[in-house]
């Protein structure tokens, strides 16, 4: 049986920087990662879980964030690389990726979504403020990299091209 990884302020290698906790390197688990901290967690590398990643407030990585199932944060999810989940991605605040954002099911943000490349989900893409895709600052994005692909859209696209997909009947 796989054990979930629970991150508390006593986790080995965790550095308290006053306003946040920092972990050098990568954070990986074949099961789920449950972040139980009173401040945000910044992982210098990537965060990867076989099942889900959950935090009461913040999930932030200098690299990518990936889960076989879901990624959920009470406030925001931010990655220097991509954000990818086999299931859903949900944040009470914003979702931001230096590359692309991809979910096998839905993506929901209480505020806004920003991806320097494409945003893709098979289900509903829901946001209260704006959605920005393809605002790449490190090279000229292709037309496909400026695409927001989803089954249903609830919110305003501020930048990017929307492509709605139909469910298989």
Protein backbone atom coordinates (compact mmCIF):
# COMPACT_ATOMS: atom_id res chain seq x y z
CA UNK A 1 0.00 0.00 0.00
CA UNK A 2 1.30 3.44 -0.94
CA UNK A 3 1.55 6.03 1.81
CA UNK A 4 0.52 9.64 1.38
CA UNK A 5 3.16 12.29 1.99
CA UNK A 6 2.07 14.83 4.61
CA UNK A 7 4.09 18.06 4.67
CA UNK A 8 4.13 19.84 8.05
CA UNK A 9 6.57 22.39 9.49
CA UNK A 10 8.63 19.43 10.79
CA UNK A 11 9.24 17.95 7.32
CA UNK A 12 12.98 17.20 6.80
CA UNK A 13 14.79 19.84 4.74
CA UNK A 14 12.00 22.42 5.04
CA UNK A 15 13.41 25.93 5.54
CA UNK A 16 11.31 28.56 7.31
CA UNK A 17 11.97 31.89 5.54
CA UNK A 18 9.53 33.85 7.69
CA UNK A 19 6.87 34.53 5.05
CA UNK A 20 7.03 31.05 3.47
CA UNK A 21 8.59 27.61 3.68
CA UNK A 22 11.16 26.62 1.05
CA UNK A 23 12.23 23.14 0.00
CA UNK A 24 15.31 22.75 -2.18
CA UNK A 25 15.10 20.13 -4.92
CA UNK A 26 11.99 18.18 -5.94
CA UNK A 27 9.01 16.91 -3.94
CA UNK A 28 7.73 13.55 -5.21
CA UNK A 29 5.38 10.83 -3.99
CA UNK A 30 3.78 7.81 -5.70
CA UNK A 31 0.57 8.43 -3.70
CA UNK A 32 -0.83 11.84 -2.62
CA UNK A 33 0.86 14.94 -1.20
CA UNK A 34 -1.04 16.78 1.54
CA UNK A 35 0.48 20.17 2.43
CA UNK A 36 -0.45 21.23 5.98
CA UNK A 37 1.45 24.44 6.62
CA UNK A 38 0.54 27.84 8.08
CA UNK A 39 2.44 29.62 5.25
CA UNK A 40 2.93 28.94 1.57
CA UNK A 41 5.34 26.25 0.39
CA UNK A 42 7.82 27.04 -2.36
CA UNK A 43 9.57 24.03 -3.91
CA UNK A 44 12.63 25.06 -5.94
CA UNK A 45 12.28 22.05 -8.24
CA UNK A 46 9.12 20.24 -9.32
CA UNK A 47 6.21 18.73 -7.38
CA UNK A 48 4.90 15.37 -8.58
CA UNK A 49 2.34 12.99 -7.06
CA UNK A 50 0.90 9.74 -8.37
CA UNK A 51 -2.53 10.71 -7.05
CA UNK A 52 -3.30 14.21 -5.76
CA UNK A 53 -1.67 17.35 -4.40
CA UNK A 54 -3.64 19.39 -1.87
CA UNK A 55 -2.84 22.52 0.14
CA UNK A 56 -5.00 24.67 2.39
CA UNK A 57 -3.56 27.81 0.83
CA UNK A 58 -0.67 27.80 -1.68
CA UNK A 59 1.20 25.43 -3.99
CA UNK A 60 4.24 26.94 -5.71
CA UNK A 61 7.13 25.34 -7.61
CA UNK A 62 10.05 26.77 -9.57
CA UNK A 63 9.65 23.78 -11.89
CA UNK A 64 6.44 21.94 -12.80
CA UNK A 65 3.50 20.62 -10.77
CA UNK A 66 1.99 17.29 -11.82
CA UNK A 67 -0.52 14.87 -10.29
CA UNK A 68 -2.09 11.66 -11.60
CA UNK A 69 -5.45 12.82 -10.25
CA UNK A 70 -6.11 16.32 -8.81
CA UNK A 71 -4.30 19.49 -7.77
CA UNK A 72 -6.14 21.70 -5.28
CA UNK A 73 -5.20 24.80 -3.28
CA UNK A 74 -7.27 27.12 -1.12
CA UNK A 75 -5.60 30.18 -2.59
CA UNK A 76 -3.25 29.79 -5.58
CA UNK A 77 -1.27 27.33 -7.68
CA UNK A 78 1.85 28.65 -9.39
CA UNK A 79 4.55 26.86 -11.40
CA UNK A 80 7.58 28.08 -13.32
CA UNK A 81 7.00 25.15 -15.69
CA UNK A 82 3.72 23.36 -16.49
CA UNK A 83 0.74 22.38 -14.34
CA UNK A 84 -0.78 19.02 -15.27
CA UNK A 85 -3.41 16.80 -13.63
CA UNK A 86 -5.12 13.62 -14.79
CA UNK A 87 -8.27 14.84 -13.04
CA UNK A 88 -9.10 18.41 -12.03
CA UNK A 89 -7.17 21.56 -11.07
CA UNK A 90 -8.82 23.91 -8.57
CA UNK A 91 -7.66 27.06 -6.77
CA UNK A 92 -9.62 29.48 -4.60
CA UNK A 93 -7.55 32.31 -6.09
CA UNK A 94 -5.40 32.11 -9.21
CA UNK A 95 -3.63 29.49 -11.31
CA UNK A 96 -0.42 30.52 -13.07
CA UNK A 97 2.05 28.54 -15.21
CA UNK A 98 5.26 29.49 -16.99
CA UNK A 99 4.41 26.87 -19.63
CA UNK A 100 1.02 25.17 -20.15
CA UNK A 101 -1.91 24.11 -17.96
CA UNK A 102 -3.61 20.77 -18.69
CA UNK A 103 -6.32 18.81 -16.86
CA UNK A 104 -8.07 15.57 -17.80
CA UNK A 105 -11.28 16.93 -16.27
CA UNK A 106 -11.99 20.54 -15.18
CA UNK A 107 -10.04 23.66 -14.25
CA UNK A 108 -11.53 26.15 -11.78
CA UNK A 109 -10.07 29.37 -10.38
CA UNK A 110 -11.75 31.74 -7.92
CA UNK A 111 -9.87 34.60 -9.59
CA UNK A 112 -7.82 34.31 -12.80
CA UNK A 113 -5.79 31.89 -14.92
CA UNK A 114 -2.53 32.76 -16.68
CA UNK A 115 -0.51 30.38 -18.86
CA UNK A 116 2.41 31.44 -21.02
CA UNK A 117 1.37 28.61 -23.36
CA UNK A 118 -1.94 26.74 -23.94
CA UNK A 119 -4.69 25.82 -21.48
CA UNK A 120 -6.49 22.49 -22.00
CA UNK A 121 -9.19 20.56 -20.15
CA UNK A 122 -11.83 18.06 -21.25
CA UNK A 123 -14.49 19.41 -18.90
CA UNK A 124 -15.45 22.89 -17.69
CA UNK A 125 -12.99 25.78 -17.51
CA UNK A 126 -14.41 28.18 -14.92
CA UNK A 127 -12.96 31.49 -13.76
CA UNK A 128 -14.33 34.63 -12.06
CA UNK A 129 -11.82 37.08 -13.54
CA UNK A 130 -9.90 36.68 -16.81
CA UNK A 131 -8.20 33.83 -18.64
CA UNK A 132 -4.91 34.49 -20.42
CA UNK A 133 -3.23 31.86 -22.64
CA UNK A 134 -0.24 32.13 -24.95
CA UNK A 135 1.28 35.24 -23.37
CA UNK A 136 4.75 33.72 -23.65
CA UNK A 137 7.55 36.09 -22.65
CA UNK A 138 10.52 33.89 -23.56
CA UNK A 139 9.75 33.13 -27.26
CA UNK A 140 7.11 33.70 -29.93
CA UNK A 141 4.25 31.25 -29.22
CA UNK A 142 2.62 29.28 -32.04
CA UNK A 143 -1.11 29.58 -32.76
CA UNK A 144 -1.72 26.24 -30.95
CA UNK A 145 0.15 27.53 -27.90
CA UNK A 146 -2.28 30.46 -27.68
CA UNK A 147 -5.31 28.15 -27.55
CA UNK A 148 -7.76 27.59 -24.70
CA UNK A 149 -9.33 24.18 -25.31
CA UNK A 150 -12.20 23.00 -23.10
CA UNK A 151 -15.55 21.22 -23.06
CA UNK A 152 -17.36 24.23 -21.59
CA UNK A 153 -16.23 27.77 -20.77
CA UNK A 154 -17.53 29.83 -17.83
CA UNK A 155 -15.66 33.12 -17.66
CA UNK A 156 -14.01 35.79 -19.80
CA UNK A 157 -11.06 35.14 -22.08
CA UNK A 158 -8.78 38.20 -22.00
CA UNK A 159 -6.12 36.71 -24.30
CA UNK A 160 -6.08 33.50 -26.35
CA UNK A 161 -8.23 31.65 -28.86
CA UNK A 162 -11.08 29.47 -27.56
CA UNK A 163 -11.65 25.99 -28.99
CA UNK A 164 -14.64 24.12 -27.53
CA UNK A 165 -14.54 20.32 -27.72
CA UNK A 166 -17.57 18.06 -27.83
CA UNK A 167 -17.92 15.07 -25.54
CA UNK A 168 -17.99 11.67 -27.27
CA UNK A 169 -21.57 10.48 -27.46
